[in-house]
C-alpha atoms as a PDB file:
ATOM      1  CA  MET A   1      96.772-120.561  19.558  1.00  0.00           C
ATOM      2  CA  PHE A   2      94.825-117.650  21.074  1.00  0.00           C
ATOM      3  CA  THR A   3      93.371-119.054  24.282  1.00  0.00           C
ATOM      4  CA  GLN A   4      90.603-118.018  26.632  1.00  0.00           C
ATOM      5  CA  GLN A   5      93.348-117.087  29.099  1.00  0.00           C
ATOM      6  CA  ASN A   6      94.823-114.719  26.500  1.00  0.00           C
ATOM      7  CA  ARG A   7      91.432-113.073  26.088  1.00  0.00           C
ATOM      8  CA  GLN A   8      90.961-112.776  29.834  1.00  0.00           C
ATOM      9  CA  ASP A   9      94.435-111.241  30.225  1.00  0.00           C
ATOM     10  CA  LEU A  10      93.641-108.629  27.575  1.00  0.00           C
ATOM     11  CA  GLU A  11      90.424-107.716  29.321  1.00  0.00           C
ATOM     12  CA  THR A  12      91.842-107.527  32.854  1.00  0.00           C
ATOM     13  CA  LYS A  13      95.549-106.738  32.446  1.00  0.00           C
ATOM     14  CA  GLY A  14      95.533-105.110  29.016  1.00  0.00           C
ATOM     15  CA  VAL A  15      98.390-107.285  27.764  1.00  0.00           C
ATOM     16  CA  THR A  16      99.032-110.936  26.905  1.00  0.00           C
ATOM     17  CA  VAL A  17     101.559-113.143  25.109  1.00  0.00           C
ATOM     18  CA  VAL A  18     100.510-115.647  22.441  1.00  0.00           C
ATOM     19  CA  ARG A  19     103.184-118.295  21.967  1.00  0.00           C
ATOM     20  CA  ASP A  20     104.441-120.075  18.837  1.00  0.00           C
ATOM     21  CA  VAL A  21     103.030-117.730  16.200  1.00  0.00           C
ATOM     22  CA  ILE A  22     106.255-117.946  14.161  1.00  0.00           C
ATOM     23  CA  SER A  23     108.466-121.036  13.980  1.00  0.00           C
ATOM     24  CA  LEU A  24     111.987-120.792  15.391  1.00  0.00           C
ATOM     25  CA  GLU A  25     113.382-121.543  11.943  1.00  0.00           C
ATOM     26  CA  ASP A  26     111.452-118.659  10.405  1.00  0.00           C
ATOM     27  CA  CYS A  27     112.563-116.372  13.239  1.00  0.00           C
ATOM     28  CA  ASP A  28     116.199-117.182  12.462  1.00  0.00           C
ATOM     29  CA  ARG A  29     115.619-116.647   8.750  1.00  0.00           C
ATOM     30  CA  HIS A  30     113.968-113.267   9.331  1.00  0.00           C
ATOM     31  CA  GLN A  31     116.732-112.222  11.709  1.00  0.00           C
ATOM     32  CA  GLN A  32     119.346-113.042   9.091  1.00  0.00           C
ATOM     33  CA  PHE A  33     117.471-111.005   6.493  1.00  0.00           C
ATOM     34  CA  PHE A  34     117.503-107.962   8.770  1.00  0.00           C
ATOM     35  CA  ARG A  35     121.186-108.439   9.641  1.00  0.00           C
ATOM     36  CA  ASP A  36     122.041-108.569   5.936  1.00  0.00           C
ATOM     37  CA  TRP A  37     119.882-105.477   5.338  1.00  0.00           C
ATOM     38  CA  LEU A  38     121.735-103.570   8.058  1.00  0.00           C
ATOM     39  CA  LYS A  39     125.051-104.409   6.395  1.00  0.00           C
ATOM     40  CA  THR A  40     123.977-102.518   3.265  1.00  0.00           C
ATOM     41  CA  PHE A  41     124.261 -99.213   5.151  1.00  0.00           C
ATOM     42  CA  PRO A  42     127.736 -97.857   4.336  1.00  0.00           C
ATOM     43  CA  ASP A  43     130.600 -97.469   6.806  1.00  0.00           C
ATOM     44  CA  GLY A  44     128.758 -99.178   9.625  1.00  0.00           C
ATOM     45  CA  GLN A  45     126.064 -96.493   9.711  1.00  0.00           C
ATOM     46  CA  TRP A  46     122.863 -97.238  11.590  1.00  0.00           C
ATOM     47  CA  PRO A  47     119.445 -96.460  10.086  1.00  0.00           C
ATOM     48  CA  GLN A  48     117.508 -93.560  11.564  1.00  0.00           C
ATOM     49  CA  SER A  49     115.696 -94.894  14.604  1.00  0.00           C
ATOM     50  CA  ARG A  50     114.339 -93.992  18.024  1.00  0.00           C
ATOM     51  CA  ASN A  51     114.407 -96.389  20.963  1.00  0.00           C
ATOM     52  CA  SER A  52     115.094 -99.211  18.463  1.00  0.00           C
ATOM     53  CA  LEU A  53     112.066 -98.304  16.283  1.00  0.00           C
ATOM     54  CA  ILE A  54     112.870 -98.052  12.563  1.00  0.00           C
ATOM     55  CA  GLN A  55     109.985 -96.192  10.940  1.00  0.00           C
ATOM     56  CA  LYS A  56     111.706 -95.233   7.675  1.00  0.00           C
ATOM     57  CA  TYR A  57     113.214 -96.989   4.645  1.00  0.00           C
ATOM     58  CA  SER A  58     110.002 -98.922   3.812  1.00  0.00           C
ATOM     59  CA  SER A  59     111.090-101.281   6.595  1.00  0.00           C
ATOM     60  CA  GLY A  60     107.544-102.527   7.141  1.00  0.00           C
ATOM     61  CA  HIS A  61     107.326-103.646   3.518  1.00  0.00           C
ATOM     62  CA  LEU A  62     110.421-105.844   3.607  1.00  0.00           C
ATOM     63  CA  GLN A  63     109.934-109.575   3.084  1.00  0.00           C
ATOM     64  CA  PRO A  64     110.023-110.614   6.774  1.00  0.00           C
ATOM     65  CA  ALA A  65     107.498-107.956   7.790  1.00  0.00           C
ATOM     66  CA  TRP A  66     104.918-109.224   5.322  1.00  0.00           C
ATOM     67  CA  GLU A  67     105.561-112.876   6.190  1.00  0.00           C
ATOM     68  CA  VAL A  68     105.068-112.090   9.871  1.00  0.00           C
ATOM     69  CA  ARG A  69     101.857-110.186   9.140  1.00  0.00           C
ATOM     70  CA  LEU A  70     100.366-113.122   7.277  1.00  0.00           C
ATOM     71  CA  ALA A  71     101.402-115.555  10.002  1.00  0.00           C
ATOM     72  CA  ALA A  72      99.842-113.382  12.722  1.00  0.00           C
ATOM     73  CA  LYS A  73      96.507-113.013  10.943  1.00  0.00           C
ATOM     74  CA  SER A  74      95.030-116.181  12.443  1.00  0.00           C
ATOM     75  CA  VAL A  75      95.536-114.794  15.950  1.00  0.00           C
ATOM     76  CA  PHE A  76      93.772-111.526  15.153  1.00  0.00           C
ATOM     77  CA  ALA A  77      91.002-113.501  13.447  1.00  0.00           C
ATOM     78  CA  GLN A  78      90.417-115.287  16.750  1.00  0.00           C
ATOM     79  CA  VAL A  79      90.609-112.025  18.692  1.00  0.00           C
ATOM     80  CA  TRP A  80      87.960-110.279  16.568  1.00  0.00           C
ATOM     81  CA  GLU A  81      86.053-113.408  15.491  1.00  0.00           C
ATOM     82  CA  THR A  82      86.276-112.495  11.819  1.00  0.00           C
ATOM     83  CA  ASN A  83      88.678-113.351   9.013  1.00  0.00           C
ATOM     84  CA  LYS A  84      87.926-110.093   7.222  1.00  0.00           C
ATOM     85  CA  LEU A  85      90.670-107.932   8.619  1.00  0.00           C
ATOM     86  CA  LEU A  86      92.784-104.965   7.690  1.00  0.00           C
ATOM     87  CA  SER A  87      96.395-104.779   8.810  1.00  0.00           C
ATOM     88  CA  SER A  88      98.711-101.953   9.691  1.00  0.00           C
ATOM     89  CA  MET A  89     101.851-101.708   7.580  1.00  0.00           C
ATOM     90  CA  ASP A  90     103.857-100.747  10.595  1.00  0.00           C
ATOM     91  CA  ALA A  91     107.487-100.398  11.614  1.00  0.00           C
ATOM     92  CA  ILE A  92     110.104-102.837  12.833  1.00  0.00           C
ATOM     93  CA  ALA A  93     112.390-102.631  15.854  1.00  0.00           C
ATOM     94  CA  ILE A  94     116.026-103.651  15.916  1.00  0.00           C
ATOM     95  CA  GLY A  95     117.981-102.991  19.094  1.00  0.00           C
ATOM     96  CA  ARG A  96     121.717-103.502  19.384  1.00  0.00           C
ATOM     97  CA  PRO A  97     123.092-104.944  22.631  1.00  0.00           C
ATOM     98  CA  PRO A  98     124.450-102.142  24.837  1.00  0.00           C
ATOM     99  CA  GLU A  99     127.315-104.424  25.863  1.00  0.00           C
ATOM    100  CA  ASP A 100     128.825-103.599  22.449  1.00  0.00           C
ATOM    101  CA  GLY A 101     128.951 -99.902  23.338  1.00  0.00           C
ATOM    102  CA  GLU A 102     126.526 -98.601  20.687  1.00  0.00           C
ATOM    103  CA  GLU A 103     123.449 -98.273  22.918  1.00  0.00           C
ATOM    104  CA  ASN A 104     122.696 -97.252  26.485  1.00  0.00           C
ATOM    105  CA  PHE A 105     121.533 -99.537  29.256  1.00  0.00           C
ATOM    106  CA  TRP A 106     118.314 -98.876  31.120  1.00  0.00           C
ATOM    107  CA  SER A 107     118.681 -96.360  33.931  1.00  0.00           C
ATOM    108  CA  GLU A 108     116.464 -95.355  36.849  1.00  0.00           C
ATOM    109  CA  GLY A 109     113.985 -92.740  35.711  1.00  0.00           C
ATOM    110  CA  ASP A 110     114.507 -93.743  32.076  1.00  0.00           C
ATOM    111  CA  SER A 111     110.929 -94.121  30.909  1.00  0.00           C
ATOM    112  CA  TRP A 112     109.005 -93.589  27.705  1.00  0.00           C
ATOM    113  CA  LEU A 113     105.675 -94.818  29.015  1.00  0.00           C
ATOM    114  CA  HIS A 114     102.914 -93.489  26.798  1.00  0.00           C
ATOM    115  CA  VAL A 115      99.547 -94.437  25.356  1.00  0.00           C
ATOM    116  CA  ASP A 116      98.882 -94.615  21.610  1.00  0.00           C
ATOM    117  CA  GLN A 117      95.131 -94.144  21.762  1.00  0.00           C
ATOM    118  CA  THR A 118      93.982 -90.540  21.841  1.00  0.00           C
ATOM    119  CA  ALA A 119      91.062 -89.331  23.908  1.00  0.00           C
ATOM    120  CA  GLU A 120      88.496 -88.890  21.132  1.00  0.00           C
ATOM    121  CA  ARG A 121      88.472 -92.671  20.666  1.00  0.00           C
ATOM    122  CA  VAL A 122      86.010 -94.067  23.200  1.00  0.00           C
ATOM    123  CA  GLY A 123      86.480 -97.592  24.521  1.00  0.00           C
ATOM    124  CA  LEU A 124      88.358-100.393  22.793  1.00  0.00           C
ATOM    125  CA  HIS A 125      89.666 -99.483  19.330  1.00  0.00           C
ATOM    126  CA  ALA A 126      92.520-101.936  18.753  1.00  0.00           C
ATOM    127  CA  TYR A 127      94.851-104.552  20.110  1.00  0.00           C
ATOM    128  CA  GLN A 128      98.381-103.746  19.017  1.00  0.00           C
ATOM    129  CA  GLY A 129     100.929-106.462  18.457  1.00  0.00           C
ATOM    130  CA  ALA A 130     104.651-107.131  18.420  1.00  0.00           C
ATOM    131  CA  VAL A 131     106.086-110.373  17.059  1.00  0.00           C
ATOM    132  CA  TYR A 132     109.418-111.251  18.679  1.00  0.00           C
ATOM    133  CA  LEU A 133     112.004-112.861  16.424  1.00  0.00           C
ATOM    134  CA  GLU A 134     114.369-113.324  19.383  1.00  0.00           C
ATOM    135  CA  ASP A 135     113.806-114.424  22.958  1.00  0.00           C
ATOM    136  CA  CYS A 136     113.212-111.568  25.345  1.00  0.00           C
ATOM    137  CA  ASP A 137     113.526-111.913  29.110  1.00  0.00           C
ATOM    138  CA  GLU A 138     112.533-109.267  31.641  1.00  0.00           C
ATOM    139  CA  ARG A 139     116.044-107.781  31.777  1.00  0.00           C
ATOM    140  CA  ASP A 140     116.529-107.734  27.990  1.00  0.00           C
ATOM    141  CA  TRP A 141     115.365-104.988  25.605  1.00  0.00           C
ATOM    142  CA  THR A 142     111.760-105.671  26.381  1.00  0.00           C
ATOM    143  CA  PHE A 143     108.243-104.295  26.701  1.00  0.00           C
ATOM    144  CA  GLU A 144     107.055-102.499  29.820  1.00  0.00           C
ATOM    145  CA  VAL A 145     103.522-101.613  30.825  1.00  0.00           C
ATOM    146  CA  MET A 146     101.411-100.082  33.515  1.00  0.00           C
ATOM    147  CA  GLU A 147      99.363-103.231  33.941  1.00  0.00           C
ATOM    148  CA  ASN A 148      95.563-102.747  33.763  1.00  0.00           C
ATOM    149  CA  SER A 149      95.972 -98.991  33.089  1.00  0.00           C
ATOM    150  CA  HIS A 150      93.663 -99.419  30.081  1.00  0.00           C
ATOM    151  CA  LEU A 151      90.774 -99.658  32.535  1.00  0.00           C
ATOM    152  CA  TYR A 152      91.413 -96.065  33.620  1.00  0.00           C
ATOM    153  CA  PHE A 153      92.163 -94.541  30.212  1.00  0.00           C
ATOM    154  CA  ASN A 154      89.049 -92.375  29.912  1.00  0.00           C
ATOM    155  CA  GLU A 155      89.238 -91.252  33.530  1.00  0.00           C
ATOM    156  CA  PHE A 156      92.933 -90.422  33.141  1.00  0.00           C
ATOM    157  CA  MET A 157      92.441 -88.311  30.016  1.00  0.00           C
ATOM    158  CA  GLU A 158      89.525 -86.394  31.513  1.00  0.00           C
ATOM    159  CA  ARG A 159      91.358 -85.883  34.797  1.00  0.00           C
ATOM    160  CA  THR A 160      94.467 -84.493  33.098  1.00  0.00           C
ATOM    161  CA  ASP A 161      92.537 -82.806  30.267  1.00  0.00           C
ATOM    162  CA  GLN A 162      94.912 -84.401  27.766  1.00  0.00           C
ATOM    163  CA  TRP A 163      93.944 -85.387  24.252  1.00  0.00           C
ATOM    164  CA  GLN A 164      97.100 -87.484  24.025  1.00  0.00           C
ATOM    165  CA  CYS A 165      99.789 -88.628  26.453  1.00  0.00           C
ATOM    166  CA  ARG A 166     103.171 -89.277  24.878  1.00  0.00           C
ATOM    167  CA  ASN A 167     105.209 -89.337  28.095  1.00  0.00           C
ATOM    168  CA  LEU A 168     103.767 -90.338  31.444  1.00  0.00           C
ATOM    169  CA  LYS A 169     104.952 -87.951  34.161  1.00  0.00           C
ATOM    170  CA  GLY A 170     105.679 -88.837  37.784  1.00  0.00           C
ATOM    171  CA  PRO A 171     102.469 -87.517  39.400  1.00  0.00           C
ATOM    172  CA  ASP A 172     100.334 -89.172  36.723  1.00  0.00           C
ATOM    173  CA  MET A 173     102.195 -92.449  37.192  1.00  0.00           C
ATOM    174  CA  ASP A 174     101.580 -92.173  40.923  1.00  0.00           C
ATOM    175  CA  TRP A 175      97.864 -91.697  40.221  1.00  0.00           C
ATOM    176  CA  LEU A 176      97.777 -94.869  38.126  1.00  0.00           C
ATOM    177  CA  LYS A 177      99.637 -96.737  40.862  1.00  0.00           C
ATOM    178  CA  SER A 178      97.011 -95.536  43.353  1.00  0.00           C
ATOM    179  CA  LYS A 179      94.464 -97.307  41.141  1.00  0.00           C
ATOM    180  CA  GLY A 180      96.397-100.560  41.481  1.00  0.00           C
ATOM    181  CA  CYS A 181      98.319-100.366  38.183  1.00  0.00           C
ATOM    182  CA  LYS A 182     101.742-102.022  38.372  1.00  0.00           C
ATOM    183  CA  ARG A 183     104.771-101.103  36.283  1.00  0.00           C
ATOM    184  CA  LEU A 184     106.028-104.379  34.804  1.00  0.00           C
ATOM    185  CA  ARG A 185     108.506-105.617  32.203  1.00  0.00           C
ATOM    186  CA  VAL A 186     106.857-108.290  30.045  1.00  0.00           C
ATOM    187  CA  PRO A 187     108.997-111.153  28.669  1.00  0.00           C
ATOM    188  CA  CYS A 188     108.143-112.788  25.356  1.00  0.00           C
ATOM    189  CA  PRO A 189     109.527-115.998  23.846  1.00  0.00           C
ATOM    190  CA  LYS A 190     111.028-116.192  20.396  1.00  0.00           C
ATOM    191  CA  GLY A 191     108.206-116.555  17.875  1.00  0.00           C
ATOM    192  CA  GLY A 192     105.632-115.131  20.284  1.00  0.00           C
ATOM    193  CA  LEU A 193     103.127-112.345  19.675  1.00  0.00           C
ATOM    194  CA  LEU A 194     102.752-109.783  22.439  1.00  0.00           C
ATOM    195  CA  LEU A 195      99.316-108.151  22.298  1.00  0.00           C
ATOM    196  CA  TRP A 196      98.177-105.079  24.190  1.00  0.00           C
ATOM    197  CA  ASP A 197      95.114-102.867  24.388  1.00  0.00           C
ATOM    198  CA  SER A 198      95.740 -99.507  22.688  1.00  0.00           C
ATOM    199  CA  ARG A 199      94.537 -97.775  25.858  1.00  0.00           C
ATOM    200  CA  LEU A 200      97.371 -99.346  27.878  1.00  0.00           C
ATOM    201  CA  PHE A 201     100.343 -97.235  28.978  1.00  0.00           C
ATOM    202  CA  HIS A 202     103.410 -98.950  27.583  1.00  0.00           C
ATOM    203  CA  ALA A 203     106.904 -98.510  26.129  1.00  0.00           C
ATOM    204  CA  ASN A 204     109.927-100.504  25.174  1.00  0.00           C
ATOM    205  CA  ALA A 205     112.531-100.696  27.925  1.00  0.00           C
ATOM    206  CA  ARG A 206     116.276-100.926  27.385  1.00  0.00           C
ATOM    207  CA  PRO A 207     118.349-103.853  28.675  1.00  0.00           C
ATOM    208  CA  VAL A 208     119.382-103.889  32.329  1.00  0.00           C
ATOM    209  CA  LYS A 209     123.125-103.832  33.000  1.00  0.00           C
ATOM    210  CA  GLY A 210     124.360-107.220  34.168  1.00  0.00           C
ATOM    211  CA  ARG A 211     121.553-109.122  32.430  1.00  0.00           C
ATOM    212  CA  GLU A 212     121.974-112.853  31.961  1.00  0.00           C
ATOM    213  CA  HIS A 213     121.955-112.863  28.151  1.00  0.00           C
ATOM    214  CA  ARG A 214     124.748-110.455  27.310  1.00  0.00           C
ATOM    215  CA  GLY A 215     124.879-109.504  23.656  1.00  0.00           C
ATOM    216  CA  ARG A 216     121.249-110.372  22.909  1.00  0.00           C
ATOM    217  CA  TRP A 217     119.688-108.227  20.159  1.00  0.00           C
ATOM    218  CA  ARG A 218     116.127-107.054  19.789  1.00  0.00           C
ATOM    219  CA  PHE A 219     114.246-108.059  16.610  1.00  0.00           C
ATOM    220  CA  VAL A 220     110.540-107.194  16.516  1.00  0.00           C
ATOM    221  CA  VAL A 221     107.915-106.746  13.795  1.00  0.00           C
ATOM    222  CA  PHE A 222     104.879-104.685  14.796  1.00  0.00           C
ATOM    223  CA  VAL A 223     101.477-105.764  13.530  1.00  0.00           C
ATOM    224  CA  CYS A 224      97.935-104.666  14.299  1.00  0.00           C
ATOM    225  CA  MET A 225      94.694-105.851  12.692  1.00  0.00           C
ATOM    226  CA  THR A 226      91.072-104.806  13.139  1.00  0.00           C
ATOM    227  CA  PRO A 227      87.852-105.660  11.268  1.00  0.00           C
ATOM    228  CA  ALA A 228      87.645-104.420   7.689  1.00  0.00           C
ATOM    229  CA  ALA A 229      84.031-103.455   8.416  1.00  0.00           C
ATOM    230  CA  TRP A 230      85.260-100.453  10.391  1.00  0.00           C
ATOM    231  CA  ALA A 231      87.085 -98.743   7.519  1.00  0.00           C
ATOM    232  CA  THR A 232      85.792 -95.664   5.706  1.00  0.00           C
ATOM    233  CA  PRO A 233      86.478 -94.990   2.010  1.00  0.00           C
ATOM    234  CA  SER A 234      89.023 -92.334   2.992  1.00  0.00           C
ATOM    235  CA  ASP A 235      90.846 -94.786   5.266  1.00  0.00           C
ATOM    236  CA  LEU A 236      91.018 -97.321   2.447  1.00  0.00           C
ATOM    237  CA  GLU A 237      92.389 -94.684   0.094  1.00  0.00           C
ATOM    238  CA  VAL A 238      95.199 -93.876   2.530  1.00  0.00           C
ATOM    239  CA  LYS A 239      96.019 -97.570   2.854  1.00  0.00           C
ATOM    240  CA  ARG A 240      96.064 -98.158  -0.895  1.00  0.00           C
ATOM    241  CA  THR A 241      98.374 -95.209  -1.448  1.00  0.00           C
ATOM    242  CA  ALA A 242     100.701 -96.392   1.326  1.00  0.00           C
ATOM    243  CA  TYR A 243     100.812 -99.867  -0.205  1.00  0.00           C
ATOM    244  CA  LYS A 244     101.464 -98.540  -3.698  1.00  0.00           C
ATOM    245  CA  GLU A 245     104.164 -96.107  -2.553  1.00  0.00           C
ATOM    246  CA  ARG A 246     105.648 -98.532   0.004  1.00  0.00           C
ATOM    247  CA  LYS A 247     105.071 -96.155   2.910  1.00  0.00           C
ATOM    248  CA  LEU A 248     104.562 -97.233   6.499  1.00  0.00           C
ATOM    249  CA  THR A 249     101.301 -96.679   8.317  1.00  0.00           C
ATOM    250  CA  ARG A 250     100.912 -96.137  12.019  1.00  0.00           C
ATOM    251  CA  HIS A 251      99.275 -98.947  13.900  1.00  0.00           C
ATOM    252  CA  TRP A 252      95.610 -98.037  13.287  1.00  0.00           C
ATOM    253  CA  PRO A 253      94.522-100.457  10.522  1.00  0.00           C
ATOM    254  CA  SER A 254      90.896 -99.465   9.847  1.00  0.00           C
ATOM    255  CA  GLN A 255      89.898 -96.095  11.295  1.00  0.00           C
ATOM    256  CA  GLY A 256      92.001 -92.947  11.371  1.00  0.00           C
ATOM    257  CA  VAL A 257      94.677 -94.495   9.155  1.00  0.00           C
ATOM    258  CA  SER A 258      97.782 -92.340   8.702  1.00  0.00           C
ATOM    259  CA  VAL A 259     101.310 -92.766   7.386  1.00  0.00           C
ATOM    260  CA  PHE A 260     104.742 -92.151   8.839  1.00  0.00           C
ATOM    261  CA  SER A 261     106.798 -89.377   7.305  1.00  0.00           C
ATOM    262  CA  THR A 262     109.495 -90.572   4.920  1.00  0.00           C
ATOM    263  CA  PHE A 263     111.689 -87.557   5.771  1.00  0.00           C
ATOM    264  CA  ILE A 264     115.243 -88.534   6.780  1.00  0.00           C
ATOM    265  CA  ASN A 265     116.885 -86.168   9.255  1.00  0.00           C
ATOM    266  CA  ARG A 266     120.066 -84.362   8.305  1.00  0.00           C
ATOM    267  CA  GLY A 267     123.098 -86.493   9.063  1.00  0.00           C
ATOM    268  CA  GLN A 268     121.140 -89.736   8.968  1.00  0.00           C
ATOM    269  CA  PRO A 269     121.851 -92.290   6.224  1.00  0.00           C
ATOM    270  CA  ARG A 270     119.656 -92.568   3.160  1.00  0.00           C
ATOM    271  CA  ASP A 271     118.290 -95.945   2.153  1.00  0.00           C
ATOM    272  CA  PRO A 272     121.117 -97.749   0.309  1.00  0.00           C
ATOM    273  CA  THR A 273     118.768-100.418  -1.080  1.00  0.00           C
ATOM    274  CA  GLU A 274     115.609 -98.438  -1.720  1.00  0.00           C
ATOM    275  CA  LEU A 275     112.624-100.727  -2.153  1.00  0.00           C
ATOM    276  CA  HIS A 276     111.280-100.097  -5.657  1.00  0.00           C
ATOM    277  CA  HIS A 277     108.986-103.133  -5.775  1.00  0.00           C
ATOM    278  CA  LEU A 278     107.040-104.942  -3.098  1.00  0.00           C
ATOM    279  CA  PRO A 279     108.188-108.506  -2.370  1.00  0.00           C
ATOM    280  CA  GLU A 280     106.164-111.315  -3.884  1.00  0.00           C
ATOM    281  CA  VAL A 281     104.553-112.222  -0.555  1.00  0.00           C
ATOM    282  CA  ALA A 282     103.098-108.688  -0.358  1.00  0.00           C
ATOM    283  CA  ARG A 283     101.484-109.115  -3.766  1.00  0.00           C
ATOM    284  CA  THR A 284      99.409-112.167  -2.832  1.00  0.00           C
ATOM    285  CA  GLU A 285      95.621-111.886  -2.685  1.00  0.00           C
ATOM    286  CA  GLU A 286      95.603-112.295   1.094  1.00  0.00           C
ATOM    287  CA  ALA A 287      98.201-109.564   1.582  1.00  0.00           C
ATOM    288  CA  LYS A 288      96.309-107.197  -0.710  1.00  0.00           C
ATOM    289  CA  ARG A 289      93.124-107.750   1.276  1.00  0.00           C
ATOM    290  CA  LEU A 290      94.945-106.974   4.517  1.00  0.00           C
ATOM    291  CA  ALA A 291      96.337-103.821   2.915  1.00  0.00           C
ATOM    292  CA  GLY A 292      92.883-102.710   1.760  1.00  0.00           C
ATOM    293  CA  VAL A 293      93.887-102.943  -1.897  1.00  0.00           C
ATOM    294  CA  LEU A 294      91.411-105.752  -2.585  1.00  0.00           C
ATOM    295  CA  SER A 295      87.918-105.796  -1.105  1.00  0.00           C
ATOM    296  CA  TYR A 296      86.279-108.651   0.771  1.00  0.00           C
ATOM    297  CA  ASP A 297      83.032-108.017  -1.141  1.00  0.00           C
ATOM    298  CA  ASP A 298      83.549-111.021  -3.386  1.00  0.00           C
ATOM    299  CA  ASP A 299      84.187-113.355  -0.454  1.00  0.00           C
ATOM    300  CA  ASP A 300      81.371-115.886  -0.032  1.00  0.00           C
ATOM    301  CA  ASP A 301      81.971-116.467   3.690  1.00  0.00           C
ATOM    302  CA  ASP A 302      79.073-115.584   5.992  1.00  0.00           C
ATOM    303  CA  ASP A 303      81.596-113.573   7.951  1.00  0.00           C
ATOM    304  CA  ASN A 304      81.591-109.861   8.724  1.00  0.00           C
ATOM    305  CA  ASP A 305      81.198-107.971   5.460  1.00  0.00           C
ATOM    306  CA  ASP A 306      83.335-104.911   4.911  1.00  0.00           C
ATOM    307  CA  GLY A 307      80.653-102.253   4.721  1.00  0.00           C
ATOM    308  CA  ALA A 308      80.452 -99.398   7.194  1.00  0.00           C
ATOM    309  CA  CYS A 309      80.206-100.252  10.862  1.00  0.00           C
ATOM    310  CA  LEU A 310      76.639 -99.591  12.061  1.00  0.00           C
ATOM    311  CA  GLU A 311      77.149 -98.431  15.629  1.00  0.00           C
ATOM    312  CA  ASP A 312      73.490 -97.522  16.200  1.00  0.00           C
ATOM    313  CA  ALA A 313      71.965-100.607  14.604  1.00  0.00           C
ATOM    314  CA  GLN A 314      70.095-103.005  16.849  1.00  0.00           C
ATOM    315  CA  GLN A 315      72.190-105.811  15.419  1.00  0.00           C
ATOM    316  CA  PRO A 316      75.585-104.309  14.540  1.00  0.00           C
ATOM    317  CA  ARG A 317      77.710-106.089  11.988  1.00  0.00           C
ATOM    318  CA  CYS A 318      80.721-106.417  14.279  1.00  0.00           C
ATOM    319  CA  SER A 319      80.972-107.567  17.878  1.00  0.00           C
ATOM    320  CA  VAL A 320      82.800-104.425  19.009  1.00  0.00           C
ATOM    321  CA  CYS A 321      81.877-101.181  17.262  1.00  0.00           C
ATOM    322  CA  PRO A 322      84.343 -98.372  18.025  1.00  0.00           C
ATOM    323  CA  THR A 323      82.887 -95.012  18.936  1.00  0.00           C
ATOM    324  CA  TRP A 324      84.275 -91.481  18.919  1.00  0.00           C
ATOM    325  CA  ASN A 325      83.846 -88.255  20.873  1.00  0.00           C
ATOM    326  CA  ILE A 326      85.536 -85.781  18.543  1.00  0.00           C
ATOM    327  CA  ASP A 327      83.532 -82.743  19.652  1.00  0.00           C
ATOM    328  CA  ARG A 328      84.876 -82.969  23.213  1.00  0.00           C
ATOM    329  CA  TRP A 329      88.490 -82.804  22.025  1.00  0.00           C
ATOM    330  CA  ALA A 330      88.149 -80.779  18.810  1.00  0.00           C
ATOM    331  CA  ALA A 331      90.152 -77.765  20.036  1.00  0.00           C
ATOM    332  CA  GLN A 332      93.139 -79.848  21.186  1.00  0.00           C
ATOM    333  CA  ILE A 333      93.068 -81.887  17.989  1.00  0.00           C
ATOM    334  CA  GLN A 334      93.180 -78.718  15.889  1.00  0.00           C
ATOM    335  CA  ASP A 335      96.023 -77.275  17.992  1.00  0.00           C
ATOM    336  CA  PHE A 336      97.978 -80.472  17.410  1.00  0.00           C
ATOM    337  CA  LYS A 337      97.422 -80.379  13.658  1.00  0.00           C
ATOM    338  CA  ASP A 338      98.369 -76.682  13.484  1.00  0.00           C
ATOM    339  CA  GLY A 339     101.576 -77.428  15.380  1.00  0.00           C
ATOM    340  CA  LYS A 340     102.447 -80.343  13.123  1.00  0.00           C
ATOM    341  CA  ASN A 341     101.852 -78.214  10.040  1.00  0.00           C
ATOM    342  CA  HIS A 342     104.173 -75.519  11.396  1.00  0.00           C
ATOM    343  CA  GLN A 343     106.915 -78.007  12.312  1.00  0.00           C
ATOM    344  CA  TYR A 344     106.753 -79.655   8.902  1.00  0.00           C
ATOM    345  CA  LYS A 345     106.872 -76.352   7.054  1.00  0.00           C
ATOM    346  CA  GLU A 346     109.829 -75.155   9.146  1.00  0.00           C
ATOM    347  CA  ARG A 347     111.704 -78.376   8.421  1.00  0.00           C
ATOM    348  CA  THR A 348     110.942 -78.811   4.721  1.00  0.00           C
ATOM    349  CA  GLY A 349     109.572 -75.519   3.429  1.00  0.00           C
ATOM    350  CA  LYS A 350     106.448 -77.355   2.264  1.00  0.00           C
ATOM    351  CA  LYS A 351     102.867 -77.463   3.410  1.00  0.00           C
ATOM    352  CA  THR A 352     101.504 -80.672   4.865  1.00  0.00           C
ATOM    353  CA  PRO A 353      97.925 -81.956   4.755  1.00  0.00           C
ATOM    354  CA  PHE A 354      97.189 -82.524   8.444  1.00  0.00           C
ATOM    355  CA  LYS A 355      93.434 -82.151   8.232  1.00  0.00           C
ATOM    356  CA  ALA A 356      90.561 -82.596  10.614  1.00  0.00           C
ATOM    357  CA  ARG A 357      89.018 -86.061  10.542  1.00  0.00           C
END
């Protein structure tokens, strides 16, 4: 399933597509589940979302999300060469066709190119994933990248003195282009898994007016897995709480785990079918291991164990040990956390525990 060409593409381009991860029949079944779920919102209301991303309503704990996660595990096991993985409990994306008048088409200058990895993470820390439950051509609601920009991540962050980059500006895009990075829209077949390096500049891109497949929706489940050996006790505690309380985590599965806010903006619909219990598929032993609820300690495989990652050991337990440079970026990290605390307090009147790592 995951080929040597896929691995080479990740290393050189920063992005690849793995085909046939989900059967077409399962894609149709998952699509229908989400369509039925959308119908539960009263008066044709649309769930709170941004650029098709639905990060509320326990969307990542719905039945299709967990089924997709389990199906994608074998690919990540090949990527990391271990079966002992932790998974994000990430969001979904549902994009309505702009031909119906509810969404905008892509327009020149319309870009949300950003990078999810922040500068204190040194080198490769994750391959993020998106499983497509509907075909996606280049002119559909698709995925765009600055191809091979992951190779210049550290240089870019140092050059711009940015701890994070949430919106790539024109001069910075020009700099990446001068390095040979190309801005591309990446198609993905139905049932495929699109993988990208977390250092890659990327975004989703709206459909182009006049596209061939008028009326085509976007249905995507995001999934990211990394070795369980990387997780700290505090990361596992965050994951277990998120699982128990049916909250969504951001894409980092093992290190620096954090959850999405459950706050619904004023004027946005509340969850009409609030998820009080996890679906049966999420309560299986395999799902609980991916969520960090069950340990791999009792697994007899001679695979990576899930102790701490020994970066300085002569024979590290994992093939790729992620490293950090927190001291270099400590001031910007603290400024970010202080700002988030202030925003949260202004919005809710409550304090929020954004703490230093």
